[in-house]
Amino acid sequence: MRTSHTALPLLLLAMSGCYRYRFEQRPEPSGAQLVTHEERVPTYLNGFIGTGRVDTSRYCDQPVRTELQVTATDVLLSIVSLLIYTPHTLRVTCEQPGGSEAR
């Protein structure tokens, strides 16, 4: 019984730090195939050091959407490192080169 009393608060603590911001840059082109690039960007000291930025021009000139997400894995890594290492998962969604002709 004691295990369930400690497991629930720990689970709630781990899940409470997850969040996601999604920015729609432009309408999704109809019939276009999209590709999503994902990168884990490190920040330190609970996000006070490091920017959590991604250079979208490395992937495409005009992204369809960008996302910043702190996943459960990111939160777990932060807790294990005592908030010294606090990663963020960044995603950039672009139109696949070649558009709808690529198959």
N, C-alpha and C. Protein backbone atom coordinates (compact mmCIF):
# COMPACT_ATOMS: atom_id res chain seq x y z
N MET A 1 0.81 -1.19 0.00
CA MET A 1 0.00 0.00 0.00
C MET A 1 0.86 1.26 0.00
N ARG A 2 1.98 1.21 0.67
CA ARG A 2 2.85 2.38 0.75
C ARG A 2 3.41 2.75 -0.62
N THR A 3 3.67 1.76 -1.46
CA THR A 3 4.21 2.02 -2.79
C THR A 3 3.25 2.86 -3.62
N SER A 4 1.97 2.59 -3.56
CA SER A 4 1.00 3.35 -4.34
C SER A 4 0.90 4.79 -3.84
N HIS A 5 1.16 5.02 -2.55
CA HIS A 5 1.11 6.38 -2.00
C HIS A 5 2.28 7.22 -2.50
N THR A 6 3.41 6.60 -2.79
CA THR A 6 4.55 7.37 -3.28
C THR A 6 4.62 7.38 -4.80
N ALA A 7 4.08 6.36 -5.45
CA ALA A 7 4.15 6.29 -6.91
C ALA A 7 3.26 7.34 -7.57
N LEU A 8 2.07 7.56 -7.07
CA LEU A 8 1.16 8.51 -7.67
C LEU A 8 1.71 9.94 -7.63
N PRO A 9 2.20 10.44 -6.50
CA PRO A 9 2.77 11.79 -6.51
C PRO A 9 3.98 11.92 -7.43
N LEU A 10 4.81 10.87 -7.51
CA LEU A 10 5.97 10.92 -8.41
C LEU A 10 5.53 10.95 -9.87
N LEU A 11 4.51 10.20 -10.20
CA LEU A 11 3.98 10.20 -11.56
C LEU A 11 3.39 11.56 -11.90
N LEU A 12 2.64 12.14 -11.01
CA LEU A 12 2.06 13.46 -11.24
C LEU A 12 3.14 14.52 -11.37
N LEU A 13 4.20 14.42 -10.59
CA LEU A 13 5.31 15.36 -10.66
C LEU A 13 6.00 15.27 -12.02
N ALA A 14 6.25 14.04 -12.47
CA ALA A 14 6.92 13.85 -13.76
C ALA A 14 6.06 14.34 -14.92
N MET A 15 4.77 14.15 -14.86
CA MET A 15 3.89 14.54 -15.95
C MET A 15 3.55 16.03 -15.92
N SER A 16 3.73 16.69 -14.81
CA SER A 16 3.34 18.09 -14.69
C SER A 16 4.24 19.02 -15.49
N GLY A 17 5.44 18.59 -15.82
CA GLY A 17 6.36 19.47 -16.52
C GLY A 17 6.26 19.38 -18.04
N CYS A 18 5.41 18.54 -18.58
CA CYS A 18 5.31 18.38 -20.03
C CYS A 18 4.44 19.48 -20.62
N TYR A 19 4.93 20.06 -21.72
CA TYR A 19 4.14 21.06 -22.42
C TYR A 19 4.59 21.12 -23.87
N ARG A 20 3.78 21.78 -24.71
CA ARG A 20 4.11 21.92 -26.12
C ARG A 20 3.57 23.24 -26.65
N TYR A 21 4.41 23.94 -27.39
CA TYR A 21 4.00 25.13 -28.13
C TYR A 21 4.10 24.80 -29.60
N ARG A 22 3.04 25.10 -30.34
CA ARG A 22 3.02 24.81 -31.76
C ARG A 22 2.70 26.10 -32.50
N PHE A 23 3.54 26.44 -33.46
CA PHE A 23 3.39 27.67 -34.23
C PHE A 23 3.14 27.32 -35.69
N GLU A 24 1.96 27.65 -36.18
CA GLU A 24 1.62 27.44 -37.58
C GLU A 24 2.15 28.64 -38.36
N GLN A 25 3.14 28.42 -39.21
CA GLN A 25 3.77 29.51 -39.94
C GLN A 25 2.95 29.90 -41.17
N ARG A 26 2.36 28.90 -41.82
CA ARG A 26 1.56 29.14 -43.02
C ARG A 26 0.61 27.96 -43.18
N PRO A 27 -0.42 28.11 -43.99
CA PRO A 27 -1.35 26.99 -44.20
C PRO A 27 -0.63 25.80 -44.84
N GLU A 28 -1.04 24.63 -44.46
CA GLU A 28 -0.45 23.41 -45.02
C GLU A 28 -0.85 23.29 -46.48
N PRO A 29 0.12 23.15 -47.39
CA PRO A 29 -0.22 23.05 -48.82
C PRO A 29 -1.02 21.79 -49.09
N SER A 30 -2.07 21.91 -49.89
CA SER A 30 -2.90 20.73 -50.18
C SER A 30 -2.16 19.77 -51.10
N GLY A 31 -2.18 18.51 -50.75
CA GLY A 31 -1.54 17.47 -51.54
C GLY A 31 -0.03 17.39 -51.38
N ALA A 32 0.56 18.24 -50.59
CA ALA A 32 2.01 18.24 -50.41
C ALA A 32 2.39 17.20 -49.36
N GLN A 33 3.54 16.58 -49.56
CA GLN A 33 4.06 15.67 -48.56
C GLN A 33 4.97 16.47 -47.62
N LEU A 34 4.77 16.24 -46.35
CA LEU A 34 5.53 16.99 -45.34
C LEU A 34 6.56 16.09 -44.68
N VAL A 35 7.64 16.69 -44.24
CA VAL A 35 8.67 15.97 -43.50
C VAL A 35 8.94 16.78 -42.23
N THR A 36 9.08 16.08 -41.11
CA THR A 36 9.32 16.74 -39.82
C THR A 36 10.73 16.41 -39.34
N HIS A 37 11.47 17.44 -39.04
CA HIS A 37 12.84 17.30 -38.52
C HIS A 37 12.77 17.53 -37.01
N GLU A 38 13.41 16.66 -36.25
CA GLU A 38 13.36 16.75 -34.79
C GLU A 38 14.77 16.87 -34.25
N GLU A 39 14.91 17.71 -33.24
CA GLU A 39 16.22 17.94 -32.64
C GLU A 39 16.03 18.22 -31.15
N ARG A 40 16.87 17.63 -30.32
CA ARG A 40 16.82 17.90 -28.89
C ARG A 40 17.89 18.95 -28.58
N VAL A 41 17.43 20.09 -28.11
CA VAL A 41 18.32 21.21 -27.84
C VAL A 41 18.55 21.30 -26.33
N PRO A 42 19.82 21.30 -25.91
CA PRO A 42 20.08 21.36 -24.48
C PRO A 42 20.01 22.79 -23.94
N THR A 43 19.44 22.91 -22.76
CA THR A 43 19.58 24.11 -21.96
C THR A 43 20.04 23.64 -20.58
N TYR A 44 20.48 24.55 -19.77
CA TYR A 44 21.06 24.18 -18.49
C TYR A 44 20.47 25.04 -17.37
N LEU A 45 20.57 24.54 -16.16
CA LEU A 45 20.07 25.22 -14.96
C LEU A 45 18.61 25.63 -15.13
N ASN A 46 17.78 24.62 -15.44
CA ASN A 46 16.34 24.77 -15.60
C ASN A 46 15.97 25.79 -16.69
N GLY A 47 16.79 25.86 -17.74
CA GLY A 47 16.50 26.73 -18.87
C GLY A 47 17.05 28.13 -18.79
N PHE A 48 17.76 28.46 -17.73
CA PHE A 48 18.32 29.80 -17.59
C PHE A 48 19.55 30.01 -18.48
N ILE A 49 20.26 28.93 -18.81
CA ILE A 49 21.42 29.02 -19.69
C ILE A 49 21.12 28.23 -20.94
N GLY A 50 21.27 28.86 -22.09
CA GLY A 50 20.92 28.24 -23.36
C GLY A 50 19.64 28.85 -23.88
N THR A 51 19.47 28.79 -25.18
CA THR A 51 18.33 29.50 -25.77
C THR A 51 17.16 28.61 -26.11
N GLY A 52 17.41 27.35 -26.45
CA GLY A 52 16.33 26.50 -26.90
C GLY A 52 15.84 26.91 -28.28
N ARG A 53 16.72 27.53 -29.07
CA ARG A 53 16.37 27.98 -30.42
C ARG A 53 16.86 26.98 -31.45
N VAL A 54 16.21 26.99 -32.59
CA VAL A 54 16.62 26.16 -33.72
C VAL A 54 16.63 27.04 -34.97
N ASP A 55 17.65 26.86 -35.80
CA ASP A 55 17.76 27.60 -37.04
C ASP A 55 16.96 26.85 -38.10
N THR A 56 15.75 27.32 -38.38
CA THR A 56 14.87 26.61 -39.31
C THR A 56 15.38 26.65 -40.74
N SER A 57 16.23 27.61 -41.07
CA SER A 57 16.73 27.71 -42.45
C SER A 57 17.64 26.53 -42.80
N ARG A 58 18.10 25.78 -41.80
CA ARG A 58 18.89 24.57 -42.09
C ARG A 58 18.03 23.50 -42.74
N TYR A 59 16.72 23.55 -42.50
CA TYR A 59 15.82 22.53 -43.00
C TYR A 59 15.03 22.97 -44.23
N CYS A 60 14.54 24.20 -44.24
CA CYS A 60 13.80 24.73 -45.39
C CYS A 60 13.65 26.24 -45.23
N ASP A 61 13.32 26.89 -46.36
CA ASP A 61 13.18 28.35 -46.35
C ASP A 61 11.91 28.81 -45.65
N GLN A 62 10.81 28.08 -45.87
CA GLN A 62 9.52 28.47 -45.30
C GLN A 62 8.87 27.27 -44.62
N PRO A 63 9.11 27.09 -43.33
CA PRO A 63 8.49 25.95 -42.65
C PRO A 63 6.97 26.10 -42.56
N VAL A 64 6.31 24.95 -42.54
CA VAL A 64 4.86 24.94 -42.38
C VAL A 64 4.52 25.19 -40.92
N ARG A 65 5.25 24.52 -40.02
CA ARG A 65 5.03 24.73 -38.58
C ARG A 65 6.31 24.44 -37.82
N THR A 66 6.41 25.03 -36.65
CA THR A 66 7.50 24.74 -35.72
C THR A 66 6.88 24.41 -34.37
N GLU A 67 7.54 23.54 -33.63
CA GLU A 67 7.05 23.13 -32.31
C GLU A 67 8.20 23.09 -31.31
N LEU A 68 7.91 23.49 -30.11
CA LEU A 68 8.80 23.31 -28.99
C LEU A 68 8.04 22.46 -27.98
N GLN A 69 8.63 21.35 -27.61
CA GLN A 69 7.95 20.44 -26.68
C GLN A 69 8.92 19.98 -25.61
N VAL A 70 8.42 19.92 -24.41
CA VAL A 70 9.14 19.28 -23.31
C VAL A 70 8.40 17.98 -23.04
N THR A 71 9.04 16.89 -23.41
CA THR A 71 8.42 15.57 -23.30
C THR A 71 8.69 14.98 -21.91
N ALA A 72 8.05 13.85 -21.64
CA ALA A 72 8.29 13.16 -20.37
C ALA A 72 9.75 12.74 -20.26
N THR A 73 10.36 12.36 -21.39
CA THR A 73 11.79 12.00 -21.37
C THR A 73 12.65 13.20 -20.99
N ASP A 74 12.31 14.37 -21.55
CA ASP A 74 13.04 15.59 -21.20
C ASP A 74 12.92 15.90 -19.72
N VAL A 75 11.73 15.75 -19.17
CA VAL A 75 11.51 16.00 -17.74
C VAL A 75 12.30 15.01 -16.90
N LEU A 76 12.28 13.74 -17.30
CA LEU A 76 13.02 12.72 -16.56
C LEU A 76 14.51 13.02 -16.56
N LEU A 77 15.06 13.39 -17.72
CA LEU A 77 16.48 13.75 -17.79
C LEU A 77 16.79 14.96 -16.90
N SER A 78 15.87 15.90 -16.85
CA SER A 78 16.05 17.07 -15.99
C SER A 78 16.06 16.70 -14.52
N ILE A 79 15.15 15.82 -14.12
CA ILE A 79 15.07 15.40 -12.72
C ILE A 79 16.30 14.62 -12.32
N VAL A 80 16.75 13.70 -13.20
CA VAL A 80 17.92 12.88 -12.90
C VAL A 80 19.16 13.75 -12.74
N SER A 81 19.27 14.81 -13.54
CA SER A 81 20.45 15.70 -13.45
C SER A 81 20.25 16.84 -12.46
N LEU A 82 19.19 16.78 -11.65
CA LEU A 82 18.87 17.82 -10.66
C LEU A 82 18.74 19.20 -11.31
N LEU A 83 18.08 19.24 -12.46
CA LEU A 83 17.79 20.46 -13.23
C LEU A 83 19.04 21.15 -13.77
N ILE A 84 20.17 20.43 -13.80
CA ILE A 84 21.37 21.00 -14.42
C ILE A 84 21.24 20.93 -15.93
N TYR A 85 20.87 19.77 -16.46
CA TYR A 85 20.64 19.58 -17.90
C TYR A 85 19.14 19.53 -18.13
N THR A 86 18.60 20.47 -18.89
CA THR A 86 17.16 20.52 -19.13
C THR A 86 16.89 20.64 -20.63
N PRO A 87 16.76 19.52 -21.33
CA PRO A 87 16.58 19.55 -22.78
C PRO A 87 15.17 19.94 -23.21
N HIS A 88 15.07 20.43 -24.43
CA HIS A 88 13.81 20.72 -25.08
C HIS A 88 13.82 20.01 -26.43
N THR A 89 12.70 19.47 -26.84
CA THR A 89 12.60 18.83 -28.14
C THR A 89 11.97 19.82 -29.11
N LEU A 90 12.67 20.11 -30.20
CA LEU A 90 12.21 21.06 -31.19
C LEU A 90 11.93 20.33 -32.50
N ARG A 91 10.82 20.69 -33.15
CA ARG A 91 10.45 20.08 -34.43
C ARG A 91 10.17 21.17 -35.45
N VAL A 92 10.63 20.93 -36.68
CA VAL A 92 10.38 21.82 -37.80
C VAL A 92 9.73 20.98 -38.90
N THR A 93 8.53 21.37 -39.34
CA THR A 93 7.83 20.64 -40.39
C THR A 93 7.91 21.45 -41.68
N CYS A 94 8.44 20.80 -42.72
CA CYS A 94 8.64 21.45 -44.01
C CYS A 94 7.96 20.66 -45.11
N GLU A 95 7.75 21.32 -46.23
CA GLU A 95 7.27 20.65 -47.42
C GLU A 95 8.44 19.82 -47.98
N GLN A 96 8.17 18.59 -48.34
CA GLN A 96 9.23 17.71 -48.85
C GLN A 96 9.73 18.26 -50.18
N PRO A 97 11.07 18.32 -50.36
CA PRO A 97 11.60 18.81 -51.63
C PRO A 97 11.03 17.99 -52.79
N GLY A 98 10.67 18.68 -53.85
CA GLY A 98 10.06 18.00 -54.99
C GLY A 98 8.55 18.04 -54.93
N GLY A 99 8.00 18.47 -53.79
CA GLY A 99 6.55 18.62 -53.64
C GLY A 99 5.80 17.32 -53.80
N SER A 100 4.66 17.37 -54.46
CA SER A 100 3.80 16.19 -54.59
C SER A 100 4.31 15.22 -55.66
N GLU A 101 5.31 15.62 -56.47
CA GLU A 101 5.84 14.72 -57.48
C GLU A 101 6.68 13.61 -56.87
N ALA A 102 7.27 13.83 -55.69
CA ALA A 102 8.14 12.83 -55.06
C ALA A 102 7.31 11.69 -54.52
N ARG A 103 7.66 10.46 -54.88
CA ARG A 103 6.94 9.30 -54.38
C ARG A 103 7.89 8.20 -54.04
